[in-house]
Amino acid sequence: MADAALAGAETGEVEALRFRLGFFKLVVRDLAAMERFYCDTFGFAVTNRVVLPGLEESMLNLPGQPFTLVLFHYSDGREIAVGNGHGPVGLTTADLDAAAARAITHGARPLHGPHELPGARLTFLLDPEGHEIELIQRTGAPR
């Protein structure tokens, strides 16, 4: 009974804090090139920039969507490596094949796919710096 009361209190506290998923950051080597890639390929727009000692950030949004893709760049010359400690940037699309072709035209590299799943088709690409992108097209209700 005490565990249930504690869980209820914690749920109320979390709800009062009103958490919302707001952004995802990619650390990039060439900020201008990656801005062009995400804006030209997927229709993102630069909505804000931050410049601080040793770092720069560009905030990118899709029209009418609150979620932000942040491109983070160390301006102090340090080396970065794309790691495997996170999953891909996921984007939904109405036309998987056209979206993948457009991304490849703009410098992405195919990784694997397309894959057919119940209710969806998906494919994986690498952006010009090697960050993984997952494109998903919903195809109806899962079987």
N, C-alpha and C. Protein backbone atom coordinates (compact mmCIF):
# COMPACT_ATOMS: atom_id res chain seq x y z
N MET A 1 0.83 -1.19 0.00
CA MET A 1 0.00 0.00 0.00
C MET A 1 0.87 1.25 0.00
N ALA A 2 1.96 1.25 0.77
CA ALA A 2 2.84 2.41 0.82
C ALA A 2 3.49 2.64 -0.54
N ASP A 3 3.85 1.54 -1.24
CA ASP A 3 4.46 1.69 -2.56
C ASP A 3 3.49 2.34 -3.54
N ALA A 4 2.21 1.95 -3.49
CA ALA A 4 1.21 2.53 -4.38
C ALA A 4 1.01 4.02 -4.09
N ALA A 5 1.00 4.38 -2.81
CA ALA A 5 0.83 5.78 -2.44
C ALA A 5 2.04 6.60 -2.90
N LEU A 6 3.24 6.05 -2.75
CA LEU A 6 4.45 6.72 -3.18
C LEU A 6 4.44 6.89 -4.70
N ALA A 7 4.06 5.84 -5.41
CA ALA A 7 4.00 5.91 -6.87
C ALA A 7 3.01 6.98 -7.31
N GLY A 8 1.87 7.06 -6.64
CA GLY A 8 0.87 8.07 -6.96
C GLY A 8 1.38 9.47 -6.72
N ALA A 9 2.08 9.65 -5.61
CA ALA A 9 2.65 10.97 -5.30
C ALA A 9 3.72 11.35 -6.32
N GLU A 10 4.56 10.39 -6.69
CA GLU A 10 5.60 10.67 -7.68
C GLU A 10 4.99 10.99 -9.04
N THR A 11 3.93 10.27 -9.42
CA THR A 11 3.26 10.55 -10.68
C THR A 11 2.70 11.96 -10.67
N GLY A 12 2.09 12.36 -9.57
CA GLY A 12 1.56 13.72 -9.45
C GLY A 12 2.66 14.77 -9.54
N GLU A 13 3.81 14.50 -8.92
CA GLU A 13 4.93 15.44 -8.98
C GLU A 13 5.45 15.56 -10.41
N VAL A 14 5.57 14.43 -11.10
CA VAL A 14 6.05 14.45 -12.48
C VAL A 14 5.05 15.19 -13.37
N GLU A 15 3.78 14.93 -13.21
CA GLU A 15 2.77 15.63 -14.01
C GLU A 15 2.81 17.14 -13.76
N ALA A 16 3.04 17.55 -12.50
CA ALA A 16 3.10 18.97 -12.16
C ALA A 16 4.29 19.65 -12.84
N LEU A 17 5.34 18.90 -13.10
CA LEU A 17 6.53 19.47 -13.76
C LEU A 17 6.34 19.62 -15.26
N ARG A 18 5.34 18.98 -15.84
CA ARG A 18 4.95 19.12 -17.25
C ARG A 18 6.12 18.91 -18.22
N PHE A 19 6.84 17.82 -18.06
CA PHE A 19 7.93 17.51 -18.98
C PHE A 19 7.38 17.31 -20.39
N ARG A 20 8.11 17.79 -21.39
CA ARG A 20 7.80 17.57 -22.80
C ARG A 20 9.13 17.34 -23.50
N LEU A 21 9.14 16.41 -24.42
CA LEU A 21 10.34 16.19 -25.22
C LEU A 21 10.50 17.40 -26.13
N GLY A 22 11.62 18.09 -26.04
CA GLY A 22 11.76 19.35 -26.74
C GLY A 22 12.84 19.37 -27.81
N PHE A 23 13.94 18.61 -27.63
CA PHE A 23 15.02 18.69 -28.60
C PHE A 23 15.90 17.45 -28.54
N PHE A 24 16.66 17.31 -29.60
CA PHE A 24 17.66 16.26 -29.74
C PHE A 24 18.89 16.93 -30.33
N LYS A 25 20.07 16.66 -29.77
CA LYS A 25 21.29 17.30 -30.26
C LYS A 25 22.17 16.31 -31.01
N LEU A 26 22.70 16.81 -32.12
CA LEU A 26 23.74 16.10 -32.85
C LEU A 26 25.00 16.95 -32.78
N VAL A 27 26.11 16.36 -32.39
CA VAL A 27 27.38 17.07 -32.39
C VAL A 27 27.94 16.92 -33.81
N VAL A 28 28.24 18.07 -34.44
CA VAL A 28 28.67 18.07 -35.84
C VAL A 28 30.03 18.75 -35.98
N ARG A 29 30.75 18.36 -37.04
CA ARG A 29 32.05 18.95 -37.33
C ARG A 29 31.92 20.25 -38.11
N ASP A 30 31.02 20.28 -39.10
CA ASP A 30 30.85 21.42 -39.99
C ASP A 30 29.42 21.93 -39.86
N LEU A 31 29.23 22.93 -39.02
CA LEU A 31 27.89 23.43 -38.71
C LEU A 31 27.16 23.94 -39.94
N ALA A 32 27.81 24.73 -40.76
CA ALA A 32 27.16 25.30 -41.95
C ALA A 32 26.73 24.20 -42.93
N ALA A 33 27.60 23.23 -43.16
CA ALA A 33 27.27 22.14 -44.09
C ALA A 33 26.11 21.30 -43.57
N MET A 34 26.09 21.04 -42.28
CA MET A 34 25.01 20.21 -41.74
C MET A 34 23.70 20.98 -41.67
N GLU A 35 23.75 22.29 -41.44
CA GLU A 35 22.54 23.11 -41.55
C GLU A 35 21.95 22.98 -42.95
N ARG A 36 22.82 23.16 -43.97
CA ARG A 36 22.35 23.05 -45.36
C ARG A 36 21.73 21.69 -45.62
N PHE A 37 22.39 20.61 -45.15
CA PHE A 37 21.87 19.27 -45.40
C PHE A 37 20.48 19.10 -44.81
N TYR A 38 20.30 19.39 -43.53
CA TYR A 38 18.99 19.16 -42.90
C TYR A 38 17.92 20.12 -43.40
N CYS A 39 18.29 21.36 -43.69
CA CYS A 39 17.31 22.32 -44.22
C CYS A 39 16.94 21.99 -45.66
N ASP A 40 17.92 21.78 -46.52
CA ASP A 40 17.65 21.53 -47.93
C ASP A 40 17.02 20.16 -48.18
N THR A 41 17.39 19.17 -47.39
CA THR A 41 16.89 17.80 -47.61
C THR A 41 15.51 17.59 -47.02
N PHE A 42 15.30 18.00 -45.78
CA PHE A 42 14.08 17.65 -45.06
C PHE A 42 13.15 18.84 -44.78
N GLY A 43 13.56 20.05 -45.14
CA GLY A 43 12.70 21.21 -44.94
C GLY A 43 12.78 21.86 -43.58
N PHE A 44 13.82 21.53 -42.80
CA PHE A 44 14.02 22.21 -41.53
C PHE A 44 14.34 23.68 -41.79
N ALA A 45 14.06 24.54 -40.82
CA ALA A 45 14.44 25.95 -40.87
C ALA A 45 15.24 26.26 -39.61
N VAL A 46 16.26 27.09 -39.76
CA VAL A 46 17.03 27.54 -38.60
C VAL A 46 16.16 28.55 -37.86
N THR A 47 15.82 28.25 -36.60
CA THR A 47 14.94 29.12 -35.83
C THR A 47 15.68 29.89 -34.74
N ASN A 48 16.91 29.48 -34.44
CA ASN A 48 17.69 30.19 -33.43
C ASN A 48 19.13 29.74 -33.53
N ARG A 49 20.02 30.59 -33.07
CA ARG A 49 21.44 30.25 -32.99
C ARG A 49 21.97 30.73 -31.64
N VAL A 50 22.92 29.97 -31.11
CA VAL A 50 23.58 30.33 -29.86
C VAL A 50 25.08 30.26 -30.12
N VAL A 51 25.79 31.28 -29.73
CA VAL A 51 27.25 31.29 -29.83
C VAL A 51 27.78 31.61 -28.43
N LEU A 52 28.54 30.68 -27.89
CA LEU A 52 29.16 30.83 -26.58
C LEU A 52 30.65 30.51 -26.73
N PRO A 53 31.47 30.87 -25.78
CA PRO A 53 32.89 30.51 -25.89
C PRO A 53 33.06 29.00 -26.06
N GLY A 54 33.67 28.60 -27.16
CA GLY A 54 33.97 27.20 -27.40
C GLY A 54 32.88 26.40 -28.07
N LEU A 55 31.69 26.99 -28.29
CA LEU A 55 30.62 26.21 -28.93
C LEU A 55 29.64 27.10 -29.67
N GLU A 56 29.01 26.48 -30.65
CA GLU A 56 27.92 27.11 -31.40
C GLU A 56 26.81 26.08 -31.54
N GLU A 57 25.57 26.56 -31.55
CA GLU A 57 24.43 25.69 -31.78
C GLU A 57 23.48 26.34 -32.77
N SER A 58 22.89 25.52 -33.62
CA SER A 58 21.81 25.95 -34.50
C SER A 58 20.59 25.12 -34.16
N MET A 59 19.47 25.80 -33.90
CA MET A 59 18.22 25.12 -33.60
C MET A 59 17.42 25.04 -34.90
N LEU A 60 17.01 23.82 -35.26
CA LEU A 60 16.27 23.58 -36.49
C LEU A 60 14.89 23.03 -36.16
N ASN A 61 13.88 23.55 -36.84
CA ASN A 61 12.52 23.05 -36.65
C ASN A 61 11.87 22.79 -38.01
N LEU A 62 10.98 21.82 -38.03
CA LEU A 62 10.12 21.61 -39.19
C LEU A 62 8.92 22.53 -39.04
N PRO A 63 8.38 23.05 -40.14
CA PRO A 63 7.24 23.98 -40.05
C PRO A 63 6.09 23.40 -39.23
N GLY A 64 5.62 24.18 -38.25
CA GLY A 64 4.47 23.80 -37.45
C GLY A 64 4.73 22.75 -36.40
N GLN A 65 5.99 22.35 -36.21
CA GLN A 65 6.30 21.31 -35.23
C GLN A 65 7.20 21.88 -34.14
N PRO A 66 6.89 21.58 -32.87
CA PRO A 66 7.66 22.17 -31.77
C PRO A 66 8.99 21.48 -31.48
N PHE A 67 9.16 20.23 -31.89
CA PHE A 67 10.38 19.48 -31.59
C PHE A 67 11.56 20.11 -32.33
N THR A 68 12.69 20.27 -31.67
CA THR A 68 13.85 20.93 -32.24
C THR A 68 15.01 19.95 -32.41
N LEU A 69 15.61 19.98 -33.58
CA LEU A 69 16.87 19.29 -33.82
C LEU A 69 17.97 20.34 -33.64
N VAL A 70 18.85 20.11 -32.68
CA VAL A 70 19.92 21.06 -32.40
C VAL A 70 21.22 20.52 -32.98
N LEU A 71 21.85 21.30 -33.82
CA LEU A 71 23.17 20.97 -34.33
C LEU A 71 24.18 21.68 -33.43
N PHE A 72 25.01 20.91 -32.76
CA PHE A 72 25.95 21.41 -31.74
C PHE A 72 27.35 21.29 -32.31
N HIS A 73 28.10 22.39 -32.27
CA HIS A 73 29.45 22.41 -32.85
C HIS A 73 30.44 22.98 -31.84
N TYR A 74 31.50 22.22 -31.55
CA TYR A 74 32.58 22.74 -30.72
C TYR A 74 33.43 23.65 -31.60
N SER A 75 33.53 24.92 -31.25
CA SER A 75 34.30 25.87 -32.06
C SER A 75 35.73 26.04 -31.54
N ASP A 76 36.11 25.21 -30.57
CA ASP A 76 37.46 25.32 -30.01
C ASP A 76 38.45 24.38 -30.68
N GLY A 77 38.04 23.74 -31.78
CA GLY A 77 38.95 22.92 -32.56
C GLY A 77 39.08 21.48 -32.11
N ARG A 78 38.35 21.07 -31.09
CA ARG A 78 38.49 19.68 -30.62
C ARG A 78 37.93 18.70 -31.66
N GLU A 79 38.50 17.54 -31.69
CA GLU A 79 38.04 16.47 -32.57
C GLU A 79 36.78 15.82 -32.00
N ILE A 80 35.89 15.42 -32.87
CA ILE A 80 34.72 14.66 -32.44
C ILE A 80 34.63 13.42 -33.30
N ALA A 81 33.98 12.41 -32.77
CA ALA A 81 33.73 11.17 -33.50
C ALA A 81 32.27 10.81 -33.32
N VAL A 82 31.64 10.39 -34.40
CA VAL A 82 30.26 9.93 -34.30
C VAL A 82 30.29 8.56 -33.64
N GLY A 83 29.56 8.42 -32.56
CA GLY A 83 29.55 7.17 -31.82
C GLY A 83 28.28 6.38 -32.05
N ASN A 84 28.15 5.30 -31.34
CA ASN A 84 26.97 4.45 -31.47
C ASN A 84 26.19 4.40 -30.15
N GLY A 85 26.34 5.44 -29.34
CA GLY A 85 25.68 5.47 -28.04
C GLY A 85 24.27 6.04 -28.08
N HIS A 86 23.72 6.23 -29.27
CA HIS A 86 22.35 6.72 -29.40
C HIS A 86 21.75 6.14 -30.67
N GLY A 87 20.45 6.23 -30.78
CA GLY A 87 19.77 5.72 -31.97
C GLY A 87 19.70 6.78 -33.05
N PRO A 88 19.04 6.45 -34.14
CA PRO A 88 18.95 7.38 -35.27
C PRO A 88 17.99 8.54 -35.02
N VAL A 89 18.16 9.58 -35.82
CA VAL A 89 17.18 10.65 -35.89
C VAL A 89 16.04 10.08 -36.73
N GLY A 90 14.83 10.04 -36.19
CA GLY A 90 13.70 9.43 -36.89
C GLY A 90 12.79 10.48 -37.50
N LEU A 91 12.51 10.33 -38.77
CA LEU A 91 11.60 11.22 -39.48
C LEU A 91 10.54 10.40 -40.18
N THR A 92 9.29 10.80 -40.06
CA THR A 92 8.22 10.14 -40.80
C THR A 92 8.04 10.86 -42.13
N THR A 93 7.55 10.15 -43.13
CA THR A 93 7.36 10.71 -44.46
C THR A 93 6.17 10.05 -45.14
N ALA A 94 5.59 10.74 -46.09
CA ALA A 94 4.47 10.19 -46.86
C ALA A 94 4.97 9.31 -47.99
N ASP A 95 6.25 9.44 -48.40
CA ASP A 95 6.80 8.67 -49.52
C ASP A 95 8.24 8.29 -49.20
N LEU A 96 8.42 7.09 -48.69
CA LEU A 96 9.73 6.62 -48.24
C LEU A 96 10.75 6.63 -49.38
N ASP A 97 10.39 6.11 -50.52
CA ASP A 97 11.34 5.99 -51.61
C ASP A 97 11.80 7.37 -52.10
N ALA A 98 10.87 8.30 -52.25
CA ALA A 98 11.23 9.65 -52.70
C ALA A 98 12.06 10.37 -51.64
N ALA A 99 11.71 10.19 -50.37
CA ALA A 99 12.46 10.84 -49.28
C ALA A 99 13.89 10.31 -49.22
N ALA A 100 14.05 9.00 -49.34
CA ALA A 100 15.39 8.41 -49.31
C ALA A 100 16.20 8.88 -50.51
N ALA A 101 15.59 8.91 -51.68
CA ALA A 101 16.30 9.38 -52.88
C ALA A 101 16.72 10.83 -52.72
N ARG A 102 15.84 11.65 -52.16
CA ARG A 102 16.18 13.07 -51.94
C ARG A 102 17.36 13.20 -50.98
N ALA A 103 17.33 12.44 -49.89
CA ALA A 103 18.42 12.50 -48.92
C ALA A 103 19.74 12.07 -49.56
N ILE A 104 19.70 11.04 -50.36
CA ILE A 104 20.93 10.56 -51.03
C ILE A 104 21.43 11.61 -52.01
N THR A 105 20.53 12.25 -52.72
CA THR A 105 20.91 13.33 -53.64
C THR A 105 21.61 14.46 -52.90
N HIS A 106 21.21 14.69 -51.64
CA HIS A 106 21.79 15.77 -50.84
C HIS A 106 22.99 15.33 -50.01
N GLY A 107 23.48 14.11 -50.23
CA GLY A 107 24.71 13.69 -49.56
C GLY A 107 24.61 12.59 -48.54
N ALA A 108 23.40 12.09 -48.28
CA ALA A 108 23.26 10.96 -47.36
C ALA A 108 23.76 9.69 -48.03
N ARG A 109 24.10 8.70 -47.22
CA ARG A 109 24.52 7.40 -47.74
C ARG A 109 23.55 6.33 -47.23
N PRO A 110 23.14 5.42 -48.11
CA PRO A 110 22.24 4.34 -47.67
C PRO A 110 22.97 3.44 -46.66
N LEU A 111 22.25 3.03 -45.64
CA LEU A 111 22.81 2.12 -44.64
C LEU A 111 22.18 0.74 -44.81
N HIS A 112 20.85 0.65 -44.66
CA HIS A 112 20.13 -0.60 -44.96
C HIS A 112 18.65 -0.30 -45.10
N GLY A 113 17.97 -1.19 -45.79
CA GLY A 113 16.55 -1.03 -46.06
C GLY A 113 16.35 -0.72 -47.53
N PRO A 114 15.13 -0.57 -47.94
CA PRO A 114 13.93 -0.46 -47.10
C PRO A 114 13.49 -1.81 -46.53
N HIS A 115 12.83 -1.71 -45.38
CA HIS A 115 12.30 -2.88 -44.69
C HIS A 115 10.78 -2.75 -44.63
N GLU A 116 10.10 -3.84 -44.85
CA GLU A 116 8.64 -3.88 -44.78
C GLU A 116 8.24 -4.46 -43.43
N LEU A 117 7.47 -3.71 -42.66
CA LEU A 117 6.96 -4.16 -41.37
C LEU A 117 5.44 -4.05 -41.39
N PRO A 118 4.76 -4.74 -40.51
CA PRO A 118 3.31 -4.55 -40.43
C PRO A 118 2.99 -3.09 -40.13
N GLY A 119 2.33 -2.42 -41.04
CA GLY A 119 1.92 -1.04 -40.83
C GLY A 119 2.94 0.02 -41.17
N ALA A 120 4.13 -0.38 -41.62
CA ALA A 120 5.15 0.63 -41.90
C ALA A 120 6.23 0.09 -42.84
N ARG A 121 6.86 1.02 -43.53
CA ARG A 121 8.09 0.75 -44.29
C ARG A 121 9.15 1.68 -43.70
N LEU A 122 10.40 1.21 -43.63
CA LEU A 122 11.45 2.05 -43.10
C LEU A 122 12.77 1.78 -43.78
N THR A 123 13.63 2.79 -43.75
CA THR A 123 14.98 2.66 -44.29
C THR A 123 15.92 3.48 -43.43
N PHE A 124 17.19 3.12 -43.46
CA PHE A 124 18.20 3.78 -42.66
C PHE A 124 19.28 4.36 -43.56
N LEU A 125 19.69 5.59 -43.23
CA LEU A 125 20.70 6.31 -43.99
C LEU A 125 21.72 6.90 -43.02
N LEU A 126 22.84 7.36 -43.56
CA LEU A 126 23.81 8.13 -42.78
C LEU A 126 23.86 9.53 -43.38
N ASP A 127 23.82 10.56 -42.53
CA ASP A 127 23.95 11.92 -43.04
C ASP A 127 25.41 12.12 -43.47
N PRO A 128 25.75 13.26 -44.06
CA PRO A 128 27.12 13.44 -44.56
C PRO A 128 28.23 13.30 -43.52
N GLU A 129 27.91 13.44 -42.23
CA GLU A 129 28.93 13.26 -41.19
C GLU A 129 28.83 11.89 -40.51
N GLY A 130 27.89 11.06 -40.94
CA GLY A 130 27.79 9.71 -40.39
C GLY A 130 26.75 9.50 -39.32
N HIS A 131 25.91 10.51 -39.02
CA HIS A 131 24.82 10.32 -38.07
C HIS A 131 23.72 9.51 -38.73
N GLU A 132 23.17 8.56 -38.01
CA GLU A 132 22.14 7.68 -38.56
C GLU A 132 20.78 8.37 -38.60
N ILE A 133 20.08 8.19 -39.72
CA ILE A 133 18.73 8.72 -39.93
C ILE A 133 17.83 7.54 -40.25
N GLU A 134 16.67 7.49 -39.62
CA GLU A 134 15.66 6.47 -39.92
C GLU A 134 14.45 7.18 -40.52
N LEU A 135 14.09 6.78 -41.73
CA LEU A 135 12.90 7.30 -42.39
C LEU A 135 11.80 6.26 -42.30
N ILE A 136 10.60 6.68 -41.92
CA ILE A 136 9.48 5.76 -41.74
C ILE A 136 8.28 6.27 -42.51
N GLN A 137 7.64 5.36 -43.25
CA GLN A 137 6.37 5.66 -43.91
C GLN A 137 5.33 4.73 -43.33
N ARG A 138 4.30 5.30 -42.73
CA ARG A 138 3.19 4.49 -42.21
C ARG A 138 2.40 3.98 -43.40
N THR A 139 2.04 2.71 -43.36
CA THR A 139 1.32 2.11 -44.49
C THR A 139 -0.07 1.61 -44.10
N GLY A 140 -0.52 1.93 -42.92
CA GLY A 140 -1.84 1.48 -42.48
C GLY A 140 -1.74 0.79 -41.14
N ALA A 141 -2.83 0.20 -40.75
CA ALA A 141 -2.90 -0.46 -39.45
C ALA A 141 -2.02 -1.70 -39.44
N PRO A 142 -1.30 -1.94 -38.33
CA PRO A 142 -0.50 -3.16 -38.23
C PRO A 142 -1.39 -4.39 -38.37
N ARG A 143 -0.83 -5.41 -39.00
CA ARG A 143 -1.58 -6.66 -39.18
C ARG A 143 -1.51 -7.54 -37.97
